[in-house]
Amino acid sequence: MPDTQIAVHPDADVLASAVAARLVTRLIDLQAAGRVPRIVLTGGGVGIDLLRRLRELPAQRAVDWARVELFWGDERFVAPDDEERNDGQARAALLDHVGVDPARVHAMGADTGDGPDGAEKAARKYAGMLAELADAGAGMPTFDVVLLGMGGEGHTLSVFPDSPAVHETRATVVAVHDCPKPPPDRVSLTLAVLDHADEVWVVAAGGAKADAVSGALGGAEETDLPVAGARRGRLTRWLLDTEAAATISRS
């Protein structure tokens, strides 16, 4: 059975700093073992804040950023220069300030006005890229760390409860339309990708997430709470602040 670990921090600021420190340590350890780390980034307030704090850590200078491969879990399908795009926020917070190799930074496609099926084309292109990087015998690469945010209703990536994406079992990347929160169109990895993760880190802050956190940890179905799919990783870390952890059973 996959391992599950829970770490609770006093507030969102401490949480972001703690996850940044944990991630830079993981990167250093993987590179010391001769690996090119493969990391899936997330957006959202805490997800971007932890990248900003990682940039400020003296220890990040020990990372060979040219030998880190970066992916995204989901992306808002908007114009390339839209300030809401996760990859743009990540670049401003961290990537533009460290020596990443552009060939190893795999952003999802943007809306360039390429017709009504633009998100579908972007999803197919990203899936093709993952297939090209696949490990032998697998349909996609193995990720060292997948960072996940979540919503109060239990969505993660851009996979929402009882949506077509949460019922997807074969595709690795899908276009998502009519999202309950704007913008309506997204490109997202599916929960199936988490089967290929060494570690999945769910990073959540705030009382609005508490019931979904406790439900997922209590064994909820993925169709009801997609973030419950985090348990697919070989190791799942729930990295929470006290408010997000408030309703976890003491037992």
Protein backbone atom coordinates (compact mmCIF):
# COMPACT_ATOMS: atom_id res chain seq x y z
CA MET A 1 0.00 0.00 0.00
CA PRO A 2 1.22 3.55 -0.67
CA ASP A 3 2.49 5.48 2.33
CA THR A 4 0.64 8.53 3.60
CA GLN A 5 2.28 11.23 5.71
CA ILE A 6 0.74 14.38 7.17
CA ALA A 7 2.58 17.52 8.23
CA VAL A 8 0.68 20.43 9.77
CA HIS A 9 2.08 23.96 9.96
CA PRO A 10 0.74 26.98 11.88
CA ASP A 11 -0.41 29.06 8.92
CA ALA A 12 -0.17 29.50 5.16
CA ASP A 13 3.06 31.53 5.33
CA VAL A 14 4.89 28.91 7.37
CA LEU A 15 3.43 26.19 5.15
CA ALA A 16 4.81 27.79 1.98
CA SER A 17 8.25 28.21 3.55
CA ALA A 18 8.28 24.64 4.84
CA VAL A 19 7.28 23.15 1.49
CA ALA A 20 9.91 25.26 -0.29
CA ALA A 21 12.59 23.94 2.08
CA ARG A 22 11.32 20.38 1.65
CA LEU A 23 11.37 20.69 -2.15
CA VAL A 24 14.86 22.14 -2.40
CA THR A 25 16.14 19.33 -0.17
CA ARG A 26 14.45 16.78 -2.41
CA LEU A 27 16.02 18.31 -5.51
CA ILE A 28 19.49 18.30 -3.98
CA ASP A 29 19.14 14.69 -2.84
CA LEU A 30 17.93 13.50 -6.25
CA GLN A 31 20.77 15.23 -8.05
CA ALA A 32 23.28 13.84 -5.56
CA ALA A 33 22.03 10.40 -6.59
CA GLY A 34 22.75 11.25 -10.23
CA ARG A 35 19.15 11.94 -11.22
CA VAL A 36 17.58 14.68 -13.30
CA PRO A 37 14.57 15.45 -11.07
CA ARG A 38 11.16 15.52 -12.73
CA ILE A 39 8.80 17.84 -10.87
CA VAL A 40 5.17 18.71 -11.62
CA LEU A 41 4.33 22.24 -10.49
CA THR A 42 1.01 23.61 -9.31
CA GLY A 43 -0.48 27.09 -9.37
CA GLY A 44 -2.63 28.86 -6.83
CA GLY A 45 -1.68 31.17 -4.00
CA VAL A 46 0.38 28.77 -1.91
CA GLY A 47 1.76 26.96 -4.97
CA ILE A 48 3.28 30.14 -6.39
CA ASP A 49 4.28 31.49 -2.99
CA LEU A 50 6.35 28.41 -2.23
CA LEU A 51 8.26 28.92 -5.50
CA ARG A 52 8.97 32.51 -4.54
CA ARG A 53 10.22 31.39 -1.14
CA LEU A 54 12.33 28.64 -2.71
CA ARG A 55 14.03 31.29 -4.82
CA GLU A 56 14.93 33.18 -1.63
CA LEU A 57 16.49 30.14 0.08
CA PRO A 58 20.31 30.15 0.10
CA ALA A 59 20.16 26.36 -0.33
CA GLN A 60 18.61 26.67 -3.80
CA ARG A 61 22.04 27.69 -5.07
CA ALA A 62 23.10 24.08 -4.48
CA VAL A 63 20.58 22.94 -7.12
CA ASP A 64 21.81 22.57 -10.70
CA TRP A 65 18.70 24.11 -12.22
CA ALA A 66 19.81 23.23 -15.75
CA ARG A 67 19.33 19.61 -14.68
CA VAL A 68 15.75 19.87 -13.39
CA GLU A 69 12.84 18.91 -15.63
CA LEU A 70 9.62 20.81 -14.93
CA PHE A 71 6.02 20.09 -15.88
CA TRP A 72 2.63 21.54 -14.96
CA GLY A 73 -0.37 19.73 -13.56
CA ASP A 74 -2.87 22.02 -15.24
CA GLU A 75 -3.12 25.33 -16.99
CA ARG A 76 -5.71 27.97 -17.68
CA PHE A 77 -6.34 27.98 -21.43
CA VAL A 78 -5.99 31.70 -21.96
CA ALA A 79 -3.70 33.93 -24.02
CA PRO A 80 0.06 33.29 -23.64
CA ASP A 81 0.63 36.61 -21.87
CA ASP A 82 -2.42 36.39 -19.60
CA GLU A 83 -1.36 37.03 -16.01
CA GLU A 84 -3.57 34.15 -14.86
CA ARG A 85 -1.41 31.50 -16.52
CA ASN A 86 0.34 29.22 -14.04
CA ASP A 87 3.55 29.02 -16.06
CA GLY A 88 3.85 32.81 -16.27
CA GLN A 89 3.40 33.13 -12.51
CA ALA A 90 5.95 30.38 -11.91
CA ARG A 91 8.47 32.05 -14.17
CA ALA A 92 8.07 35.37 -12.37
CA ALA A 93 8.32 33.71 -8.95
CA LEU A 94 11.29 31.41 -9.63
CA LEU A 95 12.16 30.18 -13.10
CA ASP A 96 13.28 33.48 -14.60
CA HIS A 97 15.73 33.89 -11.73
CA VAL A 98 17.54 30.54 -11.80
CA GLY A 99 19.42 28.80 -14.57
CA VAL A 100 16.74 26.48 -15.92
CA ASP A 101 17.21 24.83 -19.31
CA PRO A 102 14.30 26.00 -21.50
CA ALA A 103 14.23 22.61 -23.19
CA ARG A 104 13.41 21.04 -19.82
CA VAL A 105 10.58 23.42 -18.93
CA HIS A 106 7.39 21.93 -20.35
CA ALA A 107 4.62 24.52 -20.29
CA MET A 108 1.14 23.63 -21.48
CA GLY A 109 -0.27 25.29 -24.58
CA ALA A 110 -2.00 28.66 -24.54
CA ASP A 111 -4.96 30.06 -26.43
CA THR A 112 -3.55 31.60 -29.59
CA GLY A 113 -6.89 31.79 -31.37
CA ASP A 114 -6.41 28.41 -33.03
CA GLY A 115 -10.10 27.58 -33.34
CA PRO A 116 -12.73 26.21 -30.95
CA ASP A 117 -10.80 22.99 -30.34
CA GLY A 118 -7.62 24.76 -29.27
CA ALA A 119 -7.64 23.26 -25.77
CA GLU A 120 -8.03 19.77 -27.23
CA LYS A 121 -5.03 20.37 -29.50
CA ALA A 122 -2.98 21.61 -26.55
CA ALA A 123 -3.94 18.53 -24.53
CA ARG A 124 -2.95 16.17 -27.35
CA LYS A 125 0.37 17.96 -27.81
CA TYR A 126 1.18 17.72 -24.09
CA ALA A 127 0.20 14.05 -24.00
CA GLY A 128 2.49 13.44 -26.97
CA MET A 129 5.38 15.12 -25.20
CA LEU A 130 4.82 12.95 -22.12
CA ALA A 131 4.77 9.84 -24.30
CA GLU A 132 8.09 10.83 -25.88
CA LEU A 133 9.63 11.12 -22.41
CA ALA A 134 8.05 7.88 -21.19
CA ASP A 135 10.05 5.38 -19.22
CA ALA A 136 10.51 1.98 -20.84
CA GLY A 137 7.31 -0.03 -20.67
CA ALA A 138 5.24 2.92 -19.41
CA GLY A 139 3.02 5.39 -21.18
CA MET A 140 4.62 8.37 -19.52
CA PRO A 141 7.57 9.44 -17.39
CA THR A 142 7.82 8.75 -13.70
CA PHE A 143 7.63 11.97 -11.71
CA ASP A 144 9.73 12.43 -8.60
CA VAL A 145 7.33 14.95 -7.03
CA VAL A 146 3.87 15.99 -8.14
CA LEU A 147 2.73 19.14 -6.37
CA LEU A 148 -1.05 19.39 -6.04
CA GLY A 149 -3.26 22.19 -4.87
CA MET A 150 -6.93 21.65 -4.16
CA GLY A 151 -10.24 23.43 -3.95
CA GLY A 152 -12.77 23.45 -1.18
CA GLU A 153 -15.07 21.16 -3.18
CA GLY A 154 -12.24 18.65 -3.54
CA HIS A 155 -10.95 19.35 -7.04
CA THR A 156 -7.26 18.97 -7.82
CA LEU A 157 -5.40 19.67 -11.05
CA SER A 158 -8.40 20.85 -13.10
CA VAL A 159 -10.28 17.65 -12.31
CA PHE A 160 -13.58 18.51 -10.66
CA PRO A 161 -16.06 16.24 -8.84
CA ASP A 162 -18.24 14.12 -11.12
CA SER A 163 -16.79 15.74 -14.25
CA PRO A 164 -15.73 13.99 -17.47
CA ALA A 165 -12.09 14.38 -16.44
CA VAL A 166 -12.53 12.51 -13.16
CA HIS A 167 -14.00 9.55 -15.04
CA GLU A 168 -11.12 9.46 -17.55
CA THR A 169 -9.08 6.27 -17.20
CA ARG A 170 -6.90 6.20 -20.32
CA ALA A 171 -5.87 9.70 -21.38
CA THR A 172 -3.00 11.38 -19.54
CA VAL A 173 -4.00 14.92 -20.51
CA VAL A 174 -7.46 16.33 -21.24
CA ALA A 175 -9.13 19.56 -22.21
CA VAL A 176 -11.55 20.74 -19.55
CA HIS A 177 -14.51 22.97 -20.35
CA ASP A 178 -17.21 24.66 -18.29
CA CYS A 179 -15.07 24.70 -15.14
CA PRO A 180 -17.05 25.76 -12.05
CA LYS A 181 -14.50 28.54 -11.48
CA PRO A 182 -13.07 30.87 -14.13
CA PRO A 183 -11.63 30.64 -16.64
CA PRO A 184 -13.94 27.95 -18.02
CA ASP A 185 -11.38 26.28 -20.29
CA ARG A 186 -8.32 24.44 -19.00
CA VAL A 187 -5.77 21.81 -19.95
CA SER A 188 -5.10 19.27 -17.23
CA LEU A 189 -3.27 16.10 -16.38
CA THR A 190 -5.65 13.35 -15.29
CA LEU A 191 -5.59 11.41 -12.05
CA ALA A 192 -4.09 8.49 -13.98
CA VAL A 193 -0.81 10.40 -14.08
CA LEU A 194 -0.52 10.05 -10.31
CA ASP A 195 0.03 6.32 -10.79
CA HIS A 196 3.45 7.33 -12.13
CA ALA A 197 4.48 9.53 -9.21
CA ASP A 198 7.07 8.59 -6.62
CA GLU A 199 5.73 11.31 -4.32
CA VAL A 200 2.52 13.33 -4.42
CA TRP A 201 2.43 16.43 -2.23
CA VAL A 202 -0.97 17.95 -1.53
CA VAL A 203 -0.42 21.53 -0.35
CA ALA A 204 -3.51 23.11 1.20
CA ALA A 205 -4.24 26.05 3.48
CA GLY A 206 -7.42 27.50 4.91
CA GLY A 207 -10.55 26.27 6.62
CA ALA A 208 -12.44 26.09 3.32
CA LYS A 209 -10.34 23.02 2.46
CA ALA A 210 -10.79 21.21 5.77
CA ASP A 211 -13.78 19.00 4.96
CA ALA A 212 -12.33 17.91 1.62
CA VAL A 213 -8.99 17.10 3.26
CA SER A 214 -10.58 14.97 5.95
CA GLY A 215 -12.88 13.32 3.42
CA ALA A 216 -10.01 12.37 1.13
CA LEU A 217 -7.96 11.04 4.02
CA GLY A 218 -11.02 9.14 5.20
CA GLY A 219 -11.25 7.16 1.97
CA ALA A 220 -13.67 9.18 -0.17
CA GLU A 221 -14.17 8.16 -3.78
CA GLU A 222 -12.21 10.10 -6.41
CA THR A 223 -15.41 10.85 -8.32
CA ASP A 224 -16.73 12.70 -5.26
CA LEU A 225 -13.43 14.23 -4.14
CA PRO A 226 -10.83 14.10 -6.92
CA VAL A 227 -8.07 15.08 -4.47
CA ALA A 228 -8.52 11.61 -2.97
CA GLY A 229 -6.62 10.46 -6.06
CA ALA A 230 -3.45 11.75 -4.40
CA ARG A 231 -3.21 8.36 -2.70
CA ARG A 232 -2.22 6.85 -6.06
CA GLY A 233 1.36 8.03 -5.52
CA ARG A 234 3.85 5.69 -3.93
CA LEU A 235 4.14 8.24 -1.13
CA THR A 236 1.51 10.90 -0.46
CA ARG A 237 2.38 13.89 1.69
CA TRP A 238 -0.44 16.07 2.97
CA LEU A 239 1.23 19.41 3.71
CA LEU A 240 -1.34 21.52 5.51
CA ASP A 241 -1.87 24.51 7.73
CA THR A 242 -3.83 24.14 10.96
CA GLU A 243 -7.06 25.38 9.42
CA ALA A 244 -6.95 22.90 6.53
CA ALA A 245 -6.19 20.11 9.02
CA ALA A 246 -8.89 21.12 11.49
CA THR A 247 -11.36 18.30 10.84
CA ILE A 248 -8.93 15.40 10.41
CA SER A 249 -9.94 12.71 12.85
CA ARG A 250 -7.60 12.47 15.84
CA SER A 251 -7.81 8.70 15.46
